[in-house]
């Protein structure tokens, strides 16, 4: 069972590779149209090539999708722990 989704891992890799060299990565606004396109692809289960997406859009997706990290991940980890105990 994959605990971290593929899209999230790719997104974090892109932010890790490009983010530190980008000024104001979490302060500057992303293109709303591009953000919606990426969001819709992720929600429909489509693949997103984050290498072709602006780092600002990646940061915006990450900020909004942190809900997944805060809420869903602890529940998933707890279920895995209960399964193996």
C-alpha atoms as a PDB file:
ATOM      1  CA  UNK A   1       0.000   0.000   0.000  1.00  0.00           C
ATOM      2  CA  UNK A   2       1.478   3.347  -1.035  1.00  0.00           C
ATOM      3  CA  UNK A   3       1.240   5.783   1.847  1.00  0.00           C
ATOM      4  CA  UNK A   4       2.270   8.815  -0.225  1.00  0.00           C
ATOM      5  CA  UNK A   5       0.440   9.267  -3.491  1.00  0.00           C
ATOM      6  CA  UNK A   6       2.517   9.448  -6.665  1.00  0.00           C
ATOM      7  CA  UNK A   7       1.375  12.956  -7.550  1.00  0.00           C
ATOM      8  CA  UNK A   8       2.335  14.209  -4.106  1.00  0.00           C
ATOM      9  CA  UNK A   9       5.778  12.663  -4.321  1.00  0.00           C
ATOM     10  CA  UNK A  10       6.350  14.205  -7.770  1.00  0.00           C
ATOM     11  CA  UNK A  11       5.086  17.566  -6.530  1.00  0.00           C
ATOM     12  CA  UNK A  12       7.430  17.515  -3.532  1.00  0.00           C
ATOM     13  CA  UNK A  13      10.365  16.532  -5.753  1.00  0.00           C
ATOM     14  CA  UNK A  14       9.650  19.494  -8.040  1.00  0.00           C
ATOM     15  CA  UNK A  15       9.418  21.883  -5.085  1.00  0.00           C
ATOM     16  CA  UNK A  16      12.622  20.435  -3.632  1.00  0.00           C
ATOM     17  CA  UNK A  17      14.484  20.829  -6.932  1.00  0.00           C
ATOM     18  CA  UNK A  18      13.292  24.291  -7.981  1.00  0.00           C
ATOM     19  CA  UNK A  19      11.769  25.874  -4.874  1.00  0.00           C
ATOM     20  CA  UNK A  20      14.914  26.928  -3.003  1.00  0.00           C
ATOM     21  CA  UNK A  21      16.101  28.892  -6.030  1.00  0.00           C
ATOM     22  CA  UNK A  22      12.780  30.697  -6.572  1.00  0.00           C
ATOM     23  CA  UNK A  23      12.255  34.034  -4.869  1.00  0.00           C
ATOM     24  CA  UNK A  24       8.876  34.337  -3.122  1.00  0.00           C
ATOM     25  CA  UNK A  25       7.698  30.867  -4.037  1.00  0.00           C
ATOM     26  CA  UNK A  26       4.898  30.842  -1.444  1.00  0.00           C
ATOM     27  CA  UNK A  27       4.151  34.575  -1.592  1.00  0.00           C
ATOM     28  CA  UNK A  28       3.664  35.176  -5.292  1.00  0.00           C
ATOM     29  CA  UNK A  29       0.367  34.255  -6.905  1.00  0.00           C
ATOM     30  CA  UNK A  30       0.051  31.415  -9.350  1.00  0.00           C
ATOM     31  CA  UNK A  31      -1.970  31.549 -12.543  1.00  0.00           C
ATOM     32  CA  UNK A  32      -5.543  30.789 -11.485  1.00  0.00           C
ATOM     33  CA  UNK A  33      -6.320  29.137 -14.817  1.00  0.00           C
ATOM     34  CA  UNK A  34      -3.266  26.840 -14.620  1.00  0.00           C
ATOM     35  CA  UNK A  35      -3.975  26.051 -10.960  1.00  0.00           C
ATOM     36  CA  UNK A  36      -7.552  25.021 -11.792  1.00  0.00           C
ATOM     37  CA  UNK A  37      -6.350  22.844 -14.672  1.00  0.00           C
ATOM     38  CA  UNK A  38      -3.896  21.000 -12.413  1.00  0.00           C
ATOM     39  CA  UNK A  39      -6.457  20.716  -9.620  1.00  0.00           C
ATOM     40  CA  UNK A  40      -9.076  19.242 -11.975  1.00  0.00           C
ATOM     41  CA  UNK A  41      -6.567  16.733 -13.376  1.00  0.00           C
ATOM     42  CA  UNK A  42      -5.611  15.615  -9.864  1.00  0.00           C
ATOM     43  CA  UNK A  43      -9.238  15.329  -8.749  1.00  0.00           C
ATOM     44  CA  UNK A  44     -10.158  13.282 -11.808  1.00  0.00           C
ATOM     45  CA  UNK A  45      -7.202  10.964 -11.250  1.00  0.00           C
ATOM     46  CA  UNK A  46      -5.288  12.176 -14.286  1.00  0.00           C
ATOM     47  CA  UNK A  47      -1.530  12.404 -14.517  1.00  0.00           C
ATOM     48  CA  UNK A  48       0.208  15.749 -14.132  1.00  0.00           C
ATOM     49  CA  UNK A  49       3.771  16.310 -15.303  1.00  0.00           C
ATOM     50  CA  UNK A  50       4.957  18.786 -12.690  1.00  0.00           C
ATOM     51  CA  UNK A  51       8.117  19.464 -14.708  1.00  0.00           C
ATOM     52  CA  UNK A  52       5.899  21.337 -17.178  1.00  0.00           C
ATOM     53  CA  UNK A  53       4.015  23.267 -14.461  1.00  0.00           C
ATOM     54  CA  UNK A  54       5.145  26.603 -13.044  1.00  0.00           C
ATOM     55  CA  UNK A  55       6.762  26.325  -9.630  1.00  0.00           C
ATOM     56  CA  UNK A  56       4.240  28.900  -8.374  1.00  0.00           C
ATOM     57  CA  UNK A  57       1.381  26.620  -9.433  1.00  0.00           C
ATOM     58  CA  UNK A  58       3.135  23.708  -7.722  1.00  0.00           C
ATOM     59  CA  UNK A  59       3.427  25.771  -4.532  1.00  0.00           C
ATOM     60  CA  UNK A  60      -0.261  26.747  -4.707  1.00  0.00           C
ATOM     61  CA  UNK A  61      -1.316  23.112  -5.188  1.00  0.00           C
ATOM     62  CA  UNK A  62       0.883  22.104  -2.273  1.00  0.00           C
ATOM     63  CA  UNK A  63      -0.551  24.773   0.019  1.00  0.00           C
ATOM     64  CA  UNK A  64      -4.129  23.767  -0.718  1.00  0.00           C
ATOM     65  CA  UNK A  65      -3.465  20.048  -0.739  1.00  0.00           C
ATOM     66  CA  UNK A  66      -1.696  20.152   2.650  1.00  0.00           C
ATOM     67  CA  UNK A  67      -5.111  19.157   3.950  1.00  0.00           C
ATOM     68  CA  UNK A  68      -4.199  15.716   2.662  1.00  0.00           C
ATOM     69  CA  UNK A  69      -1.031  15.720   4.761  1.00  0.00           C
ATOM     70  CA  UNK A  70      -2.712  17.065   7.895  1.00  0.00           C
ATOM     71  CA  UNK A  71      -5.923  15.032   7.866  1.00  0.00           C
ATOM     72  CA  UNK A  72      -5.769  11.989   5.594  1.00  0.00           C
ATOM     73  CA  UNK A  73      -2.179  10.875   6.194  1.00  0.00           C
ATOM     74  CA  UNK A  74      -2.483  10.473   9.997  1.00  0.00           C
ATOM     75  CA  UNK A  75      -5.661   8.410   9.499  1.00  0.00           C
ATOM     76  CA  UNK A  76      -3.920   6.225   6.902  1.00  0.00           C
ATOM     77  CA  UNK A  77      -0.838   5.758   9.079  1.00  0.00           C
ATOM     78  CA  UNK A  78      -3.026   4.929  12.063  1.00  0.00           C
ATOM     79  CA  UNK A  79      -4.876   2.268  10.020  1.00  0.00           C
ATOM     80  CA  UNK A  80      -1.568   0.759   8.886  1.00  0.00           C
ATOM     81  CA  UNK A  81      -0.296   0.708  12.486  1.00  0.00           C
ATOM     82  CA  UNK A  82      -3.490  -0.959  13.705  1.00  0.00           C
ATOM     83  CA  UNK A  83      -3.234  -3.513  10.909  1.00  0.00           C
ATOM     84  CA  UNK A  84       0.293  -4.562  11.925  1.00  0.00           C
ATOM     85  CA  UNK A  85      -0.284  -4.531  15.715  1.00  0.00           C
END
